[in-house]
């Protein structure tokens, strides 16, 4: 299946393209409601995955389960060495936050540990 060429402007406005919904743009807050994300959901941050697995998942596993060590980087996104592609301006970030207040609040809660 070929992915469509998408305009980045709706993303700057806090919207995300959904193939699942037949190719429409929806707000991140909609997805939180759709998947019933609440305080019972444990979020794992990709950029802090090893730390989050050991801090949040390991305590739920059987006693004696070894800690998660260094994770393979086979599927990791390469680090950018120079600015490429779309970047968000401070104005974009304010707009995204205004369009997605629930997501923004959840994100602040998740990343307060960093």
PDB file of N, CA and C in Angstrom:
ATOM      1  N   UNK A   1       0.844  -1.168   0.000  1.00  0.00           N
ATOM      2  CA  UNK A   1       0.000   0.000   0.000  1.00  0.00           C
ATOM      3  C   UNK A   1       0.896   1.240   0.000  1.00  0.00           C
ATOM      4  N   UNK A   2       0.699   2.104  -0.955  1.00  0.00           N
ATOM      5  CA  UNK A   2       1.455   3.344  -1.031  1.00  0.00           C
ATOM      6  C   UNK A   2       0.853   4.361  -0.073  1.00  0.00           C
ATOM      7  N   UNK A   3       1.725   5.040   0.665  1.00  0.00           N
ATOM      8  CA  UNK A   3       1.258   6.081   1.561  1.00  0.00           C
ATOM      9  C   UNK A   3       1.019   7.356   0.772  1.00  0.00           C
ATOM     10  N   UNK A   4      -0.014   8.093   1.133  1.00  0.00           N
ATOM     11  CA  UNK A   4      -0.310   9.320   0.398  1.00  0.00           C
ATOM     12  C   UNK A   4       0.704  10.422   0.716  1.00  0.00           C
ATOM     13  N   UNK A   5       0.913  11.300  -0.261  1.00  0.00           N
ATOM     14  CA  UNK A   5       1.717  12.499  -0.022  1.00  0.00           C
ATOM     15  C   UNK A   5       0.821  13.457   0.763  1.00  0.00           C
ATOM     16  N   UNK A   6       1.271  13.835   1.952  1.00  0.00           N
ATOM     17  CA  UNK A   6       0.429  14.655   2.806  1.00  0.00           C
ATOM     18  C   UNK A   6       1.033  16.029   3.037  1.00  0.00           C
ATOM     19  N   UNK A   7       0.168  16.994   3.111  1.00  0.00           N
ATOM     20  CA  UNK A   7       0.555  18.351   3.469  1.00  0.00           C
ATOM     21  C   UNK A   7       0.884  18.362   4.968  1.00  0.00           C
ATOM     22  N   UNK A   8       1.955  19.038   5.363  1.00  0.00           N
ATOM     23  CA  UNK A   8       2.350  19.076   6.772  1.00  0.00           C
ATOM     24  C   UNK A   8       1.580  20.138   7.553  1.00  0.00           C
ATOM     25  N   UNK A   9       0.905  21.045   6.884  1.00  0.00           N
ATOM     26  CA  UNK A   9       0.224  22.154   7.569  1.00  0.00           C
ATOM     27  C   UNK A   9      -0.805  21.686   8.601  1.00  0.00           C
ATOM     28  N   UNK A  10      -1.636  20.657   8.341  1.00  0.00           N
ATOM     29  CA  UNK A  10      -2.570  20.203   9.374  1.00  0.00           C
ATOM     30  C   UNK A  10      -1.848  19.713  10.644  1.00  0.00           C
ATOM     31  N   UNK A  11      -0.662  19.143  10.490  1.00  0.00           N
ATOM     32  CA  UNK A  11       0.115  18.701  11.659  1.00  0.00           C
ATOM     33  C   UNK A  11       0.510  19.916  12.490  1.00  0.00           C
ATOM     34  N   UNK A  12       0.891  20.989  11.823  1.00  0.00           N
ATOM     35  CA  UNK A  12       1.221  22.236  12.527  1.00  0.00           C
ATOM     36  C   UNK A  12       0.021  22.788  13.288  1.00  0.00           C
ATOM     37  N   UNK A  13      -1.167  22.344  12.906  1.00  0.00           N
ATOM     38  CA  UNK A  13      -2.403  22.782  13.563  1.00  0.00           C
ATOM     39  C   UNK A  13      -2.890  21.769  14.598  1.00  0.00           C
ATOM     40  N   UNK A  14      -2.081  20.753  14.890  1.00  0.00           N
ATOM     41  CA  UNK A  14      -2.443  19.793  15.927  1.00  0.00           C
ATOM     42  C   UNK A  14      -3.285  18.632  15.460  1.00  0.00           C
ATOM     43  N   UNK A  15      -3.267  18.355  14.161  1.00  0.00           N
ATOM     44  CA  UNK A  15      -4.052  17.253  13.616  1.00  0.00           C
ATOM     45  C   UNK A  15      -3.137  16.143  13.111  1.00  0.00           C
ATOM     46  N   UNK A  16      -3.668  14.930  13.072  1.00  0.00           N
ATOM     47  CA  UNK A  16      -2.926  13.754  12.640  1.00  0.00           C
ATOM     48  C   UNK A  16      -3.756  13.013  11.606  1.00  0.00           C
ATOM     49  N   UNK A  17      -3.099  12.546  10.567  1.00  0.00           N
ATOM     50  CA  UNK A  17      -3.784  11.851   9.472  1.00  0.00           C
ATOM     51  C   UNK A  17      -4.087  10.420   9.882  1.00  0.00           C
ATOM     52  N   UNK A  18      -5.286   9.963   9.596  1.00  0.00           N
ATOM     53  CA  UNK A  18      -5.696   8.615   9.963  1.00  0.00           C
ATOM     54  C   UNK A  18      -6.162   7.818   8.754  1.00  0.00           C
ATOM     55  N   UNK A  19      -5.375   6.799   8.410  1.00  0.00           N
ATOM     56  CA  UNK A  19      -5.835   5.857   7.392  1.00  0.00           C
ATOM     57  C   UNK A  19      -6.984   5.028   7.945  1.00  0.00           C
ATOM     58  N   UNK A  20      -6.918   4.731   9.242  1.00  0.00           N
ATOM     59  CA  UNK A  20      -7.939   3.923   9.905  1.00  0.00           C
ATOM     60  C   UNK A  20      -9.321   4.549   9.760  1.00  0.00           C
ATOM     61  N   UNK A  21      -9.364   5.870   9.770  1.00  0.00           N
ATOM     62  CA  UNK A  21     -10.648   6.566   9.659  1.00  0.00           C
ATOM     63  C   UNK A  21     -10.957   6.980   8.218  1.00  0.00           C
ATOM     64  N   UNK A  22     -10.338   6.310   7.277  1.00  0.00           N
ATOM     65  CA  UNK A  22     -10.642   6.557   5.873  1.00  0.00           C
ATOM     66  C   UNK A  22      -9.926   7.752   5.272  1.00  0.00           C
ATOM     67  N   UNK A  23      -8.818   8.139   5.878  1.00  0.00           N
ATOM     68  CA  UNK A  23      -8.044   9.242   5.329  1.00  0.00           C
ATOM     69  C   UNK A  23      -8.558  10.603   5.739  1.00  0.00           C
ATOM     70  N   UNK A  24      -8.668  10.803   7.011  1.00  0.00           N
ATOM     71  CA  UNK A  24      -9.125  12.096   7.527  1.00  0.00           C
ATOM     72  C   UNK A  24      -8.159  12.592   8.587  1.00  0.00           C
ATOM     73  N   UNK A  25      -8.216  13.864   8.882  1.00  0.00           N
ATOM     74  CA  UNK A  25      -7.359  14.476   9.903  1.00  0.00           C
ATOM     75  C   UNK A  25      -8.142  14.575  11.202  1.00  0.00           C
ATOM     76  N   UNK A  26      -7.534  14.138  12.303  1.00  0.00           N
ATOM     77  CA  UNK A  26      -8.189  14.217  13.621  1.00  0.00           C
ATOM     78  C   UNK A  26      -7.189  14.737  14.653  1.00  0.00           C
ATOM     79  N   UNK A  27      -7.713  15.294  15.715  1.00  0.00           N
ATOM     80  CA  UNK A  27      -6.882  15.820  16.800  1.00  0.00           C
ATOM     81  C   UNK A  27      -6.385  14.674  17.686  1.00  0.00           C
ATOM     82  N   UNK A  28      -5.237  14.878  18.300  1.00  0.00           N
ATOM     83  CA  UNK A  28      -4.677  13.877  19.222  1.00  0.00           C
ATOM     84  C   UNK A  28      -5.653  13.602  20.368  1.00  0.00           C
ATOM     85  N   UNK A  29      -6.358  14.627  20.829  1.00  0.00           N
ATOM     86  CA  UNK A  29      -7.333  14.423  21.904  1.00  0.00           C
ATOM     87  C   UNK A  29      -8.396  13.402  21.513  1.00  0.00           C
ATOM     88  N   UNK A  30      -8.769  13.373  20.241  1.00  0.00           N
ATOM     89  CA  UNK A  30      -9.755  12.396  19.777  1.00  0.00           C
ATOM     90  C   UNK A  30      -9.231  10.982  20.011  1.00  0.00           C
ATOM     91  N   UNK A  31      -7.926  10.752  19.697  1.00  0.00           N
ATOM     92  CA  UNK A  31      -7.345   9.417  19.866  1.00  0.00           C
ATOM     93  C   UNK A  31      -7.307   9.024  21.338  1.00  0.00           C
ATOM     94  N   UNK A  32      -7.002   9.967  22.218  1.00  0.00           N
ATOM     95  CA  UNK A  32      -7.001   9.649  23.649  1.00  0.00           C
ATOM     96  C   UNK A  32      -8.380   9.188  24.099  1.00  0.00           C
ATOM     97  N   UNK A  33      -9.418   9.851  23.596  1.00  0.00           N
ATOM     98  CA  UNK A  33     -10.773   9.446  23.941  1.00  0.00           C
ATOM     99  C   UNK A  33     -11.107   8.096  23.295  1.00  0.00           C
ATOM    100  N   UNK A  34     -10.759   7.925  22.035  1.00  0.00           N
ATOM    101  CA  UNK A  34     -11.061   6.686  21.300  1.00  0.00           C
ATOM    102  C   UNK A  34     -10.459   5.462  21.993  1.00  0.00           C
ATOM    103  N   UNK A  35      -9.189   5.599  22.425  1.00  0.00           N
ATOM    104  CA  UNK A  35      -8.520   4.476  23.078  1.00  0.00           C
ATOM    105  C   UNK A  35      -8.713   4.469  24.595  1.00  0.00           C
ATOM    106  N   UNK A  36      -9.568   5.349  25.088  1.00  0.00           N
ATOM    107  CA  UNK A  36      -9.911   5.437  26.508  1.00  0.00           C
ATOM    108  C   UNK A  36      -8.669   5.557  27.389  1.00  0.00           C
ATOM    109  N   UNK A  37      -7.772   6.464  26.998  1.00  0.00           N
ATOM    110  CA  UNK A  37      -6.552   6.697  27.763  1.00  0.00           C
ATOM    111  C   UNK A  37      -6.910   7.487  29.009  1.00  0.00           C
ATOM    112  N   UNK A  38      -6.581   6.913  30.163  1.00  0.00           N
ATOM    113  CA  UNK A  38      -6.808   7.587  31.435  1.00  0.00           C
ATOM    114  C   UNK A  38      -5.650   7.269  32.373  1.00  0.00           C
ATOM    115  N   UNK A  39      -5.823   7.509  33.662  1.00  0.00           N
ATOM    116  CA  UNK A  39      -4.743   7.299  34.624  1.00  0.00           C
ATOM    117  C   UNK A  39      -4.318   5.836  34.760  1.00  0.00           C
ATOM    118  N   UNK A  40      -5.137   4.915  34.237  1.00  0.00           N
ATOM    119  CA  UNK A  40      -4.776   3.502  34.337  1.00  0.00           C
ATOM    120  C   UNK A  40      -3.790   3.077  33.245  1.00  0.00           C
ATOM    121  N   UNK A  41      -3.576   3.936  32.248  1.00  0.00           N
ATOM    122  CA  UNK A  41      -2.672   3.628  31.139  1.00  0.00           C
ATOM    123  C   UNK A  41      -1.246   3.990  31.525  1.00  0.00           C
ATOM    124  N   UNK A  42      -0.339   3.075  31.281  1.00  0.00           N
ATOM    125  CA  UNK A  42       1.075   3.322  31.531  1.00  0.00           C
ATOM    126  C   UNK A  42       1.722   3.682  30.194  1.00  0.00           C
ATOM    127  N   UNK A  43       2.260   4.879  30.125  1.00  0.00           N
ATOM    128  CA  UNK A  43       2.906   5.340  28.897  1.00  0.00           C
ATOM    129  C   UNK A  43       4.388   5.001  28.934  1.00  0.00           C
ATOM    130  N   UNK A  44       4.895   4.471  27.838  1.00  0.00           N
ATOM    131  CA  UNK A  44       6.319   4.195  27.687  1.00  0.00           C
ATOM    132  C   UNK A  44       6.865   5.160  26.646  1.00  0.00           C
ATOM    133  N   UNK A  45       7.817   5.985  27.062  1.00  0.00           N
ATOM    134  CA  UNK A  45       8.407   6.982  26.167  1.00  0.00           C
ATOM    135  C   UNK A  45       9.498   6.308  25.344  1.00  0.00           C
ATOM    136  N   UNK A  46       9.403   6.400  24.033  1.00  0.00           N
ATOM    137  CA  UNK A  46      10.381   5.739  23.166  1.00  0.00           C
ATOM    138  C   UNK A  46      11.795   6.227  23.422  1.00  0.00           C
ATOM    139  N   UNK A  47      11.956   7.534  23.644  1.00  0.00           N
ATOM    140  CA  UNK A  47      13.302   8.058  23.852  1.00  0.00           C
ATOM    141  C   UNK A  47      13.843   7.729  25.243  1.00  0.00           C
ATOM    142  N   UNK A  48      13.013   7.157  26.116  1.00  0.00           N
ATOM    143  CA  UNK A  48      13.421   6.722  27.453  1.00  0.00           C
ATOM    144  C   UNK A  48      12.976   5.272  27.683  1.00  0.00           C
ATOM    145  N   UNK A  49      12.956   4.481  26.609  1.00  0.00           N
ATOM    146  CA  UNK A  49      12.328   3.159  26.670  1.00  0.00           C
ATOM    147  C   UNK A  49      12.956   2.233  27.702  1.00  0.00           C
ATOM    148  N   UNK A  50      14.267   2.117  27.723  1.00  0.00           N
ATOM    149  CA  UNK A  50      14.908   1.217  28.685  1.00  0.00           C
ATOM    150  C   UNK A  50      14.572   1.632  30.120  1.00  0.00           C
ATOM    151  N   UNK A  51      14.680   2.906  30.398  1.00  0.00           N
ATOM    152  CA  UNK A  51      14.360   3.421  31.739  1.00  0.00           C
ATOM    153  C   UNK A  51      12.900   3.130  32.091  1.00  0.00           C
ATOM    154  N   UNK A  52      11.983   3.414  31.157  1.00  0.00           N
ATOM    155  CA  UNK A  52      10.563   3.211  31.422  1.00  0.00           C
ATOM    156  C   UNK A  52      10.209   1.731  31.577  1.00  0.00           C
ATOM    157  N   UNK A  53      10.824   0.872  30.771  1.00  0.00           N
ATOM    158  CA  UNK A  53      10.565  -0.567  30.917  1.00  0.00           C
ATOM    159  C   UNK A  53      10.977  -1.047  32.306  1.00  0.00           C
ATOM    160  N   UNK A  54      12.141  -0.603  32.771  1.00  0.00           N
ATOM    161  CA  UNK A  54      12.627  -1.041  34.082  1.00  0.00           C
ATOM    162  C   UNK A  54      11.853  -0.403  35.231  1.00  0.00           C
ATOM    163  N   UNK A  55      11.397   0.821  35.049  1.00  0.00           N
ATOM    164  CA  UNK A  55      10.699   1.527  36.120  1.00  0.00           C
ATOM    165  C   UNK A  55       9.212   1.193  36.179  1.00  0.00           C
ATOM    166  N   UNK A  56       8.585   1.023  35.018  1.00  0.00           N
ATOM    167  CA  UNK A  56       7.130   0.866  34.977  1.00  0.00           C
ATOM    168  C   UNK A  56       6.653  -0.543  34.675  1.00  0.00           C
ATOM    169  N   UNK A  57       7.395  -1.283  33.842  1.00  0.00           N
ATOM    170  CA  UNK A  57       6.955  -2.626  33.454  1.00  0.00           C
ATOM    171  C   UNK A  57       7.563  -3.716  34.334  1.00  0.00           C
ATOM    172  N   UNK A  58       8.841  -3.607  34.620  1.00  0.00           N
ATOM    173  CA  UNK A  58       9.523  -4.648  35.390  1.00  0.00           C
ATOM    174  C   UNK A  58       8.821  -4.974  36.713  1.00  0.00           C
ATOM    175  N   UNK A  59       8.334  -3.988  37.470  1.00  0.00           N
ATOM    176  CA  UNK A  59       7.634  -4.328  38.713  1.00  0.00           C
ATOM    177  C   UNK A  59       6.365  -5.153  38.519  1.00  0.00           C
ATOM    178  N   UNK A  60       5.805  -5.162  37.315  1.00  0.00           N
ATOM    179  CA  UNK A  60       4.590  -5.932  37.032  1.00  0.00           C
ATOM    180  C   UNK A  60       4.888  -7.371  36.616  1.00  0.00           C
ATOM    181  N   UNK A  61       6.148  -7.664  36.322  1.00  0.00           N
ATOM    182  CA  UNK A  61       6.555  -8.996  35.873  1.00  0.00           C
ATOM    183  C   UNK A  61       6.883  -9.880  37.065  1.00  0.00           C
ATOM    184  N   UNK A  62       6.941 -11.197  36.860  1.00  0.00           N
ATOM    185  CA  UNK A  62       7.241 -12.107  37.974  1.00  0.00           C
ATOM    186  C   UNK A  62       8.557 -11.746  38.666  1.00  0.00           C
ATOM    187  N   UNK A  63       8.586 -11.937  39.967  1.00  0.00           N
ATOM    188  CA  UNK A  63       9.787 -11.649  40.746  1.00  0.00           C
ATOM    189  C   UNK A  63      10.969 -12.431  40.175  1.00  0.00           C
ATOM    190  N   UNK A  64      12.103 -11.799  40.099  1.00  0.00           N
ATOM    191  CA  UNK A  64      13.298 -12.426  39.562  1.00  0.00           C
ATOM    192  C   UNK A  64      13.509 -12.175  38.076  1.00  0.00           C
ATOM    193  N   UNK A  65      12.530 -11.546  37.428  1.00  0.00           N
ATOM    194  CA  UNK A  65      12.718 -11.204  36.013  1.00  0.00           C
ATOM    195  C   UNK A  65      13.870 -10.213  35.915  1.00  0.00           C
ATOM    196  N   UNK A  66      14.848 -10.501  35.055  1.00  0.00           N
ATOM    197  CA  UNK A  66      15.996  -9.577  34.968  1.00  0.00           C
ATOM    198  C   UNK A  66      15.593  -8.226  34.385  1.00  0.00           C
ATOM    199  N   UNK A  67      16.324  -7.208  34.788  1.00  0.00           N
ATOM    200  CA  UNK A  67      16.087  -5.861  34.270  1.00  0.00           C
ATOM    201  C   UNK A  67      16.366  -5.831  32.770  1.00  0.00           C
ATOM    202  N   UNK A  68      15.716  -4.911  32.104  1.00  0.00           N
ATOM    203  CA  UNK A  68      15.946  -4.721  30.676  1.00  0.00           C
ATOM    204  C   UNK A  68      17.293  -4.042  30.505  1.00  0.00           C
ATOM    205  N   UNK A  69      18.156  -4.670  29.716  1.00  0.00           N
ATOM    206  CA  UNK A  69      19.475  -4.109  29.450  1.00  0.00           C
ATOM    207  C   UNK A  69      19.427  -3.211  28.242  1.00  0.00           C
ATOM    208  N   UNK A  70      20.554  -3.061  27.622  1.00  0.00           N
ATOM    209  CA  UNK A  70      20.667  -2.225  26.433  1.00  0.00           C
ATOM    210  C   UNK A  70      19.758  -2.792  25.341  1.00  0.00           C
ATOM    211  N   UNK A  71      18.894  -1.955  24.801  1.00  0.00           N
ATOM    212  CA  UNK A  71      17.950  -2.401  23.791  1.00  0.00           C
ATOM    213  C   UNK A  71      18.557  -2.290  22.396  1.00  0.00           C
ATOM    214  N   UNK A  72      18.226  -3.202  21.496  1.00  0.00           N
ATOM    215  CA  UNK A  72      18.781  -3.137  20.139  1.00  0.00           C
ATOM    216  C   UNK A  72      18.316  -1.875  19.426  1.00  0.00           C
ATOM    217  N   UNK A  73      19.165  -1.370  18.577  1.00  0.00           N
ATOM    218  CA  UNK A  73      18.871  -0.132  17.844  1.00  0.00           C
ATOM    219  C   UNK A  73      18.448  -0.414  16.400  1.00  0.00           C
ATOM    220  N   UNK A  74      18.159  -1.668  16.069  1.00  0.00           N
ATOM    221  CA  UNK A  74      17.854  -2.048  14.684  1.00  0.00           C
ATOM    222  C   UNK A  74      16.720  -1.217  14.081  1.00  0.00           C
ATOM    223  N   UNK A  75      15.719  -0.890  14.875  1.00  0.00           N
ATOM    224  CA  UNK A  75      14.579  -0.142  14.352  1.00  0.00           C
ATOM    225  C   UNK A  75      14.555   1.308  14.822  1.00  0.00           C
ATOM    226  N   UNK A  76      15.646   1.761  15.411  1.00  0.00           N
ATOM    227  CA  UNK A  76      15.697   3.129  15.912  1.00  0.00           C
ATOM    228  C   UNK A  76      15.790   4.122  14.757  1.00  0.00           C
ATOM    229  N   UNK A  77      15.165   5.250  14.955  1.00  0.00           N
ATOM    230  CA  UNK A  77      15.244   6.317  13.966  1.00  0.00           C
ATOM    231  C   UNK A  77      16.633   6.939  14.053  1.00  0.00           C
ATOM    232  N   UNK A  78      17.315   7.111  12.933  1.00  0.00           N
ATOM    233  CA  UNK A  78      18.654   7.708  12.991  1.00  0.00           C
ATOM    234  C   UNK A  78      18.592   9.135  13.517  1.00  0.00           C
ATOM    235  N   UNK A  79      19.609   9.512  14.279  1.00  0.00           N
ATOM    236  CA  UNK A  79      19.685  10.878  14.785  1.00  0.00           C
ATOM    237  C   UNK A  79      19.987  11.821  13.638  1.00  0.00           C
ATOM    238  N   UNK A  80      19.392  12.970  13.678  1.00  0.00           N
ATOM    239  CA  UNK A  80      19.642  13.981  12.644  1.00  0.00           C
ATOM    240  C   UNK A  80      20.941  14.706  12.965  1.00  0.00           C
ATOM    241  N   UNK A  81      21.781  14.839  11.958  1.00  0.00           N
ATOM    242  CA  UNK A  81      23.022  15.571  12.153  1.00  0.00           C
ATOM    243  C   UNK A  81      22.896  16.999  11.651  1.00  0.00           C
ATOM    244  N   UNK A  82      21.879  17.259  10.865  1.00  0.00           N
ATOM    245  CA  UNK A  82      21.622  18.616  10.403  1.00  0.00           C
ATOM    246  C   UNK A  82      20.117  18.814  10.307  1.00  0.00           C
ATOM    247  N   UNK A  83      19.668  20.047  10.469  1.00  0.00           N
ATOM    248  CA  UNK A  83      18.217  20.280  10.398  1.00  0.00           C
ATOM    249  C   UNK A  83      17.661  19.921   9.014  1.00  0.00           C
ATOM    250  N   UNK A  84      16.677  19.051   9.002  1.00  0.00           N
ATOM    251  CA  UNK A  84      16.015  18.645   7.761  1.00  0.00           C
ATOM    252  C   UNK A  84      14.527  18.523   8.028  1.00  0.00           C
ATOM    253  N   UNK A  85      13.754  18.706   7.017  1.00  0.00           N
ATOM    254  CA  UNK A  85      12.331  18.480   7.136  1.00  0.00           C
ATOM    255  C   UNK A  85      11.640  19.543   7.984  1.00  0.00           C
ATOM    256  N   UNK A  86      10.354  19.348   8.203  1.00  0.00           N
ATOM    257  CA  UNK A  86       9.555  20.331   8.922  1.00  0.00           C
ATOM    258  C   UNK A  86       9.973  20.450  10.392  1.00  0.00           C
ATOM    259  N   UNK A  87       9.960  21.633  10.875  1.00  0.00           N
ATOM    260  CA  UNK A  87      10.198  21.921  12.293  1.00  0.00           C
ATOM    261  C   UNK A  87       9.003  22.702  12.816  1.00  0.00           C
ATOM    262  N   UNK A  88       8.748  22.583  14.104  1.00  0.00           N
ATOM    263  CA  UNK A  88       7.659  23.328  14.719  1.00  0.00           C
ATOM    264  C   UNK A  88       8.181  24.644  15.278  1.00  0.00           C
ATOM    265  N   UNK A  89       7.471  25.707  14.979  1.00  0.00           N
ATOM    266  CA  UNK A  89       7.799  27.009  15.547  1.00  0.00           C
ATOM    267  C   UNK A  89       7.131  27.117  16.919  1.00  0.00           C
ATOM    268  N   UNK A  90       7.558  28.074  17.738  1.00  0.00           N
ATOM    269  CA  UNK A  90       6.855  28.285  19.013  1.00  0.00           C
ATOM    270  C   UNK A  90       5.354  28.539  18.811  1.00  0.00           C
ATOM    271  N   UNK A  91       4.999  29.249  17.734  1.00  0.00           N
ATOM    272  CA  UNK A  91       3.588  29.496  17.423  1.00  0.00           C
ATOM    273  C   UNK A  91       2.862  28.183  17.107  1.00  0.00           C
ATOM    274  N   UNK A  92       3.518  27.299  16.349  1.00  0.00           N
ATOM    275  CA  UNK A  92       2.934  25.979  16.044  1.00  0.00           C
ATOM    276  C   UNK A  92       2.667  25.213  17.335  1.00  0.00           C
ATOM    277  N   UNK A  93       3.636  25.198  18.244  1.00  0.00           N
ATOM    278  CA  UNK A  93       3.497  24.439  19.486  1.00  0.00           C
ATOM    279  C   UNK A  93       2.354  24.969  20.343  1.00  0.00           C
ATOM    280  N   UNK A  94       2.178  26.281  20.363  1.00  0.00           N
ATOM    281  CA  UNK A  94       1.045  26.866  21.107  1.00  0.00           C
ATOM    282  C   UNK A  94      -0.283  26.454  20.477  1.00  0.00           C
ATOM    283  N   UNK A  95      -0.352  26.467  19.140  1.00  0.00           N
ATOM    284  CA  UNK A  95      -1.573  26.068  18.437  1.00  0.00           C
ATOM    285  C   UNK A  95      -1.880  24.594  18.689  1.00  0.00           C
ATOM    286  N   UNK A  96      -0.866  23.743  18.601  1.00  0.00           N
ATOM    287  CA  UNK A  96      -1.052  22.313  18.830  1.00  0.00           C
ATOM    288  C   UNK A  96      -1.570  22.066  20.240  1.00  0.00           C
ATOM    289  N   UNK A  97      -0.999  22.774  21.206  1.00  0.00           N
ATOM    290  CA  UNK A  97      -1.425  22.635  22.599  1.00  0.00           C
ATOM    291  C   UNK A  97      -2.867  23.095  22.783  1.00  0.00           C
ATOM    292  N   UNK A  98      -3.240  24.190  22.124  1.00  0.00           N
ATOM    293  CA  UNK A  98      -4.605  24.709  22.233  1.00  0.00           C
ATOM    294  C   UNK A  98      -5.627  23.760  21.608  1.00  0.00           C
ATOM    295  N   UNK A  99      -5.260  23.118  20.505  1.00  0.00           N
ATOM    296  CA  UNK A  99      -6.169  22.193  19.817  1.00  0.00           C
ATOM    297  C   UNK A  99      -6.286  20.875  20.583  1.00  0.00           C
ATOM    298  N   UNK A 100      -5.243  20.520  21.331  1.00  0.00           N
ATOM    299  CA  UNK A 100      -5.183  19.234  22.043  1.00  0.00           C
ATOM    300  C   UNK A 100      -4.878  19.431  23.522  1.00  0.00           C
ATOM    301  N   UNK A 101      -5.766  20.072  24.289  1.00  0.00           N
ATOM    302  CA  UNK A 101      -5.465  20.321  25.699  1.00  0.00           C
ATOM    303  C   UNK A 101      -5.301  19.046  26.525  1.00  0.00           C
ATOM    304  N   UNK A 102      -6.084  18.033  26.214  1.00  0.00           N
ATOM    305  CA  UNK A 102      -5.974  16.770  26.961  1.00  0.00           C
ATOM    306  C   UNK A 102      -4.624  16.105  26.683  1.00  0.00           C
ATOM    307  N   UNK A 103      -4.232  16.050  25.412  1.00  0.00           N
ATOM    308  CA  UNK A 103      -2.941  15.479  25.034  1.00  0.00           C
ATOM    309  C   UNK A 103      -1.812  16.267  25.682  1.00  0.00           C
ATOM    310  N   UNK A 104      -1.888  17.589  25.634  1.00  0.00           N
ATOM    311  CA  UNK A 104      -0.840  18.437  26.194  1.00  0.00           C
ATOM    312  C   UNK A 104      -0.677  18.202  27.686  1.00  0.00           C
ATOM    313  N   UNK A 105      -1.788  18.085  28.386  1.00  0.00           N
ATOM    314  CA  UNK A 105      -1.743  17.819  29.820  1.00  0.00           C
ATOM    315  C   UNK A 105      -1.122  16.453  30.096  1.00  0.00           C
ATOM    316  N   UNK A 106      -1.534  15.453  29.311  1.00  0.00           N
ATOM    317  CA  UNK A 106      -1.005  14.093  29.469  1.00  0.00           C
ATOM    318  C   UNK A 106       0.494  14.074  29.182  1.00  0.00           C
ATOM    319  N   UNK A 107       0.909  14.768  28.124  1.00  0.00           N
ATOM    320  CA  UNK A 107       2.315  14.826  27.751  1.00  0.00           C
ATOM    321  C   UNK A 107       3.141  15.492  28.854  1.00  0.00           C
ATOM    322  N   UNK A 108       2.648  16.568  29.429  1.00  0.00           N
ATOM    323  CA  UNK A 108       3.362  17.233  30.525  1.00  0.00           C
ATOM    324  C   UNK A 108       3.513  16.304  31.712  1.00  0.00           C
ATOM    325  N   UNK A 109       2.470  15.547  32.006  1.00  0.00           N
ATOM    326  CA  UNK A 109       2.510  14.589  33.118  1.00  0.00           C
ATOM    327  C   UNK A 109       3.556  13.499  32.844  1.00  0.00           C
ATOM    328  N   UNK A 110       3.561  12.975  31.637  1.00  0.00           N
ATOM    329  CA  UNK A 110       4.494  11.900  31.265  1.00  0.00           C
ATOM    330  C   UNK A 110       5.942  12.372  31.289  1.00  0.00           C
ATOM    331  N   UNK A 111       6.177  13.560  30.789  1.00  0.00           N
ATOM    332  CA  UNK A 111       7.548  14.043  30.637  1.00  0.00           C
ATOM    333  C   UNK A 111       8.058  14.836  31.833  1.00  0.00           C
ATOM    334  N   UNK A 112       7.282  14.957  32.886  1.00  0.00           N
ATOM    335  CA  UNK A 112       7.781  15.676  34.058  1.00  0.00           C
ATOM    336  C   UNK A 112       8.941  14.924  34.699  1.00  0.00           C
ATOM    337  N   UNK A 113       9.061  13.621  34.415  1.00  0.00           N
ATOM    338  CA  UNK A 113      10.137  12.804  34.963  1.00  0.00           C
ATOM    339  C   UNK A 113      11.476  13.081  34.286  1.00  0.00           C
ATOM    340  N   UNK A 114      11.450  13.609  33.068  1.00  0.00           N
ATOM    341  CA  UNK A 114      12.687  13.785  32.290  1.00  0.00           C
ATOM    342  C   UNK A 114      13.477  14.951  32.815  1.00  0.00           C
TER     343      UNK A 114
END
